[in-house]
């Protein structure tokens, strides 16, 4: 089969939530494609341990830097985008940082609701806003890619608080794409399905086995849980010149989950 190999030489890419999971794979693949990568997260170390993402990129011959960032704080996002000026300014903004809190709508505490919305929705809104303003001020329109979810379209049991944040990401993406198109800035999102990451405690260890035994919430037609490496190429495509006529889209990477 053929391969799509977008190149990002001379581009600066910011990946929030880049220490672990999908963000880690996205950052590494952008690094492999020649980009300078700013890995933004609350901590350098992956949640499951191991070498920090920016060090892996550097060991592979790339250029990367870790920037401690709390995406629920707009000032942190502004400082992150400012840090990219050391490398010419942000060309691609990947708003990926997210969290999961499950539980019934009957029991969720207001503090938990605020926490997940501050990270998953507010973080993406202001990540998009700050990056877009910086691109316009520099006269260098680029691409913004957000992390949505199958939950952007489909409700799932006992996760209203999570689903509502991903529904917000869908509309932030589409609304921003509509508003920023005249400035040459494209805004899209990737909607992963059931991916084995550290987002939910224990999910990495259990997901593949559950998929094989049809024990997931819903069967995946391709017969397995996805991995971060399955999802990451979608981000590179949406950020690339190959997607120059694509904006306002959610690209589902879910093993056929939504069509089953």
Protein backbone atom coordinates (compact mmCIF):
# COMPACT_ATOMS: atom_id res chain seq x y z
CA UNK A 1 0.00 0.00 0.00
CA UNK A 2 1.09 3.58 -0.61
CA UNK A 3 2.24 5.90 2.14
CA UNK A 4 1.47 9.52 2.93
CA UNK A 5 4.59 11.18 4.33
CA UNK A 6 3.98 14.87 5.05
CA UNK A 7 7.12 16.81 5.92
CA UNK A 8 7.32 19.66 8.42
CA UNK A 9 10.93 20.78 8.05
CA UNK A 10 11.29 24.40 9.22
CA UNK A 11 7.89 24.24 10.98
CA UNK A 12 7.33 24.70 14.70
CA UNK A 13 4.66 22.50 16.24
CA UNK A 14 3.15 22.78 19.71
CA UNK A 15 1.56 19.65 21.19
CA UNK A 16 -0.30 20.06 24.48
CA UNK A 17 -0.65 16.94 26.57
CA UNK A 18 2.47 15.73 24.81
CA UNK A 19 4.06 13.79 27.66
CA UNK A 20 1.86 10.70 27.34
CA UNK A 21 -0.67 8.85 25.25
CA UNK A 22 -1.87 10.25 21.95
CA UNK A 23 0.00 13.53 22.44
CA UNK A 24 3.28 11.68 22.89
CA UNK A 25 2.81 9.76 19.64
CA UNK A 26 1.75 12.93 17.81
CA UNK A 27 4.80 14.85 19.05
CA UNK A 28 7.17 12.03 18.06
CA UNK A 29 5.70 11.70 14.59
CA UNK A 30 5.93 15.45 13.99
CA UNK A 31 9.54 15.24 15.15
CA UNK A 32 10.20 12.38 12.75
CA UNK A 33 8.73 14.55 9.99
CA UNK A 34 11.30 17.27 10.64
CA UNK A 35 9.36 19.68 12.84
CA UNK A 36 10.67 21.50 15.87
CA UNK A 37 8.31 20.31 18.61
CA UNK A 38 7.33 22.05 21.83
CA UNK A 39 5.96 19.40 24.18
CA UNK A 40 3.57 21.03 26.63
CA UNK A 41 2.27 19.23 29.70
CA UNK A 42 2.05 19.45 33.47
CA UNK A 43 5.09 17.21 33.84
CA UNK A 44 7.90 15.93 31.65
CA UNK A 45 7.62 12.25 32.51
CA UNK A 46 5.07 9.97 30.82
CA UNK A 47 2.31 8.78 33.15
CA UNK A 48 3.55 5.21 32.84
CA UNK A 49 7.20 6.18 33.20
CA UNK A 50 9.97 6.19 30.64
CA UNK A 51 11.96 8.76 28.71
CA UNK A 52 10.33 12.19 28.33
CA UNK A 53 8.90 12.85 24.88
CA UNK A 54 11.16 15.78 24.03
CA UNK A 55 14.22 13.68 24.88
CA UNK A 56 13.05 10.89 22.59
CA UNK A 57 12.70 13.39 19.75
CA UNK A 58 16.18 14.76 20.40
CA UNK A 59 17.67 11.24 20.60
CA UNK A 60 16.19 10.58 17.15
CA UNK A 61 18.00 13.65 15.79
CA UNK A 62 15.19 16.17 16.08
CA UNK A 63 14.69 19.43 17.92
CA UNK A 64 12.29 19.59 20.85
CA UNK A 65 11.69 21.39 24.11
CA UNK A 66 9.47 20.73 27.11
CA UNK A 67 7.34 23.61 28.36
CA UNK A 68 5.45 23.10 31.62
CA UNK A 69 1.89 24.14 30.86
CA UNK A 70 -1.50 24.04 32.56
CA UNK A 71 -3.95 24.47 29.69
CA UNK A 72 -6.73 25.50 32.07
CA UNK A 73 -4.71 28.69 32.64
CA UNK A 74 -4.77 31.09 29.68
CA UNK A 75 -1.57 32.77 30.87
CA UNK A 76 0.25 29.43 30.63
CA UNK A 77 -1.01 28.97 27.08
CA UNK A 78 0.15 32.47 26.16
CA UNK A 79 3.60 31.76 27.62
CA UNK A 80 3.76 28.50 25.67
CA UNK A 81 2.96 30.20 22.35
CA UNK A 82 5.47 32.92 23.19
CA UNK A 83 8.13 30.25 23.79
CA UNK A 84 7.64 29.11 20.21
CA UNK A 85 9.01 32.48 19.06
CA UNK A 86 12.47 31.15 19.86
CA UNK A 87 11.95 28.84 16.87
CA UNK A 88 10.19 31.30 14.56
CA UNK A 89 6.69 31.02 16.01
CA UNK A 90 4.00 28.37 16.02
CA UNK A 91 3.02 26.96 12.63
CA UNK A 92 0.90 24.08 13.90
CA UNK A 93 -1.00 24.12 17.19
CA UNK A 94 -2.16 20.72 18.45
CA UNK A 95 -4.61 21.21 21.31
CA UNK A 96 -4.58 17.70 22.71
CA UNK A 97 -4.41 17.96 26.51
CA UNK A 98 -7.40 16.33 28.14
CA UNK A 99 -8.66 14.36 31.09
CA UNK A 100 -11.42 11.91 31.93
CA UNK A 101 -13.79 11.89 34.88
CA UNK A 102 -16.51 9.26 34.85
CA UNK A 103 -19.57 8.87 37.03
CA UNK A 104 -23.30 9.39 37.07
CA UNK A 105 -24.86 12.78 36.46
CA UNK A 106 -26.71 12.15 39.72
CA UNK A 107 -23.52 12.17 41.75
CA UNK A 108 -20.96 14.43 40.08
CA UNK A 109 -19.63 17.25 42.23
CA UNK A 110 -19.50 20.81 40.85
CA UNK A 111 -15.73 20.89 41.38
CA UNK A 112 -15.32 17.83 39.16
CA UNK A 113 -17.49 19.36 36.46
CA UNK A 114 -15.46 22.57 36.50
CA UNK A 115 -12.17 20.70 36.45
CA UNK A 116 -12.90 18.63 33.37
CA UNK A 117 -14.43 21.54 31.46
CA UNK A 118 -11.50 23.81 32.33
CA UNK A 119 -9.05 21.34 30.79
CA UNK A 120 -10.98 19.76 27.93
CA UNK A 121 -13.06 22.70 26.67
CA UNK A 122 -11.55 25.91 28.01
CA UNK A 123 -8.03 24.67 27.27
CA UNK A 124 -8.87 24.02 23.63
CA UNK A 125 -10.83 27.25 23.23
CA UNK A 126 -7.99 29.43 24.47
CA UNK A 127 -5.33 27.28 22.84
CA UNK A 128 -7.06 28.00 19.55
CA UNK A 129 -7.54 31.67 20.34
CA UNK A 130 -3.98 32.36 21.47
CA UNK A 131 -2.37 30.44 18.62
CA UNK A 132 -4.58 32.09 16.01
CA UNK A 133 -3.85 35.58 17.31
CA UNK A 134 -0.13 34.85 17.29
CA UNK A 135 -0.27 33.56 13.71
CA UNK A 136 -2.13 36.68 12.59
CA UNK A 137 0.23 39.04 14.40
CA UNK A 138 3.20 37.40 12.67
CA UNK A 139 1.43 37.26 9.31
CA UNK A 140 2.00 33.49 9.20
CA UNK A 141 -1.33 31.63 9.04
CA UNK A 142 -1.00 28.01 10.03
CA UNK A 143 -3.03 25.01 11.11
CA UNK A 144 -4.77 24.14 14.36
CA UNK A 145 -5.69 20.54 15.16
CA UNK A 146 -7.79 19.73 18.22
CA UNK A 147 -8.45 16.43 19.94
CA UNK A 148 -12.15 15.63 19.90
CA UNK A 149 -13.59 12.14 20.43
CA UNK A 150 -16.28 9.73 19.36
CA UNK A 151 -17.98 11.35 22.38
CA UNK A 152 -18.23 14.55 20.35
CA UNK A 153 -21.12 12.86 18.53
CA UNK A 154 -22.24 9.93 20.68
CA UNK A 155 -23.37 9.84 24.30
CA UNK A 156 -21.91 7.12 26.47
CA UNK A 157 -23.13 5.83 29.81
CA UNK A 158 -22.06 7.67 32.97
CA UNK A 159 -19.83 10.19 31.27
CA UNK A 160 -22.06 13.19 30.56
CA UNK A 161 -19.39 15.48 31.97
CA UNK A 162 -16.78 14.11 29.55
CA UNK A 163 -19.09 13.87 26.54
CA UNK A 164 -20.17 17.49 27.01
CA UNK A 165 -16.57 18.69 26.86
CA UNK A 166 -15.96 16.78 23.64
CA UNK A 167 -19.19 18.13 22.18
CA UNK A 168 -17.79 21.57 22.97
CA UNK A 169 -14.54 20.71 21.17
CA UNK A 170 -16.54 19.81 18.07
CA UNK A 171 -18.25 23.20 17.99
CA UNK A 172 -15.12 25.16 18.96
CA UNK A 173 -13.41 23.51 16.01
CA UNK A 174 -16.20 24.22 13.54
CA UNK A 175 -16.91 27.74 14.75
CA UNK A 176 -13.24 28.69 14.76
CA UNK A 177 -12.78 27.19 11.29
CA UNK A 178 -15.64 29.31 9.99
CA UNK A 179 -14.30 32.50 11.57
CA UNK A 180 -10.62 32.00 10.78
CA UNK A 181 -10.94 30.74 7.20
CA UNK A 182 -10.75 34.27 5.78
CA UNK A 183 -7.38 34.65 7.50
CA UNK A 184 -6.00 31.45 5.99
CA UNK A 185 -5.97 29.52 9.27
CA UNK A 186 -7.38 26.01 9.09
CA UNK A 187 -8.94 24.40 12.16
CA UNK A 188 -9.76 20.70 12.30
CA UNK A 189 -10.06 17.95 14.89
CA UNK A 190 -9.25 14.28 15.24
CA UNK A 191 -11.92 12.15 16.90
CA UNK A 192 -10.28 9.02 18.34
CA UNK A 193 -12.32 6.00 19.28
CA UNK A 194 -11.44 3.51 22.00
CA UNK A 195 -7.70 4.04 22.21
CA UNK A 196 -5.41 2.32 24.71
CA UNK A 197 -3.89 5.27 26.54
CA UNK A 198 -3.35 6.33 30.13
CA UNK A 199 -6.31 8.76 30.06
CA UNK A 200 -8.40 6.43 32.20
CA UNK A 201 -6.76 4.45 34.98
CA UNK A 202 -5.96 0.91 33.87
CA UNK A 203 -7.26 1.39 30.32
CA UNK A 204 -3.91 0.75 28.65
CA UNK A 205 -3.60 -2.66 30.24
CA UNK A 206 -7.18 -3.78 29.69
CA UNK A 207 -8.29 -2.30 26.38
CA UNK A 208 -6.66 -4.70 23.93
CA UNK A 209 -7.81 -7.78 25.85
CA UNK A 210 -11.35 -6.42 26.14
CA UNK A 211 -11.47 -5.65 22.43
CA UNK A 212 -10.34 -9.16 21.57
CA UNK A 213 -13.09 -10.63 23.76
CA UNK A 214 -15.82 -8.19 22.65
CA UNK A 215 -15.95 -6.79 26.18
CA UNK A 216 -15.75 -3.10 25.29
CA UNK A 217 -18.76 -0.83 25.75
CA UNK A 218 -19.37 -1.30 22.04
CA UNK A 219 -17.74 -3.72 19.63
CA UNK A 220 -15.00 -2.34 17.37
CA UNK A 221 -15.45 -3.75 13.83
CA UNK A 222 -11.70 -3.95 13.24
CA UNK A 223 -11.48 -6.20 16.29
CA UNK A 224 -9.05 -4.35 18.51
CA UNK A 225 -8.54 -1.23 20.56
CA UNK A 226 -6.55 1.47 18.82
CA UNK A 227 -3.13 2.70 19.83
CA UNK A 228 -1.73 6.23 19.88
CA UNK A 229 0.37 5.36 16.84
CA UNK A 230 -2.83 4.51 14.96
CA UNK A 231 -4.21 7.96 15.65
CA UNK A 232 -1.17 10.24 15.28
CA UNK A 233 -0.93 10.21 11.45
CA UNK A 234 -4.37 11.86 11.26
CA UNK A 235 -2.94 14.92 13.02
CA UNK A 236 -0.05 15.16 10.58
CA UNK A 237 -2.41 14.87 7.63
CA UNK A 238 -4.74 17.62 8.88
CA UNK A 239 -1.77 19.91 9.57
CA UNK A 240 -0.17 19.27 6.19
CA UNK A 241 -0.41 20.90 2.78
CA UNK A 242 -2.18 17.74 1.60
CA UNK A 243 -5.16 18.97 3.67
CA UNK A 244 -5.00 22.57 2.44
CA UNK A 245 -8.68 22.45 1.39
CA UNK A 246 -9.87 20.83 4.62
CA UNK A 247 -11.18 22.90 7.52
CA UNK A 248 -13.89 22.52 10.13
CA UNK A 249 -13.74 18.71 9.94
CA UNK A 250 -13.66 15.97 12.56
CA UNK A 251 -11.62 13.04 11.31
CA UNK A 252 -12.76 9.87 13.06
CA UNK A 253 -10.07 7.29 13.85
CA UNK A 254 -12.10 4.63 15.59
CA UNK A 255 -11.72 1.25 13.90
CA UNK A 256 -15.23 1.56 12.50
CA UNK A 257 -16.85 2.09 15.92
CA UNK A 258 -19.30 4.77 14.74
CA UNK A 259 -20.64 2.74 11.82
CA UNK A 260 -21.30 -0.51 13.69
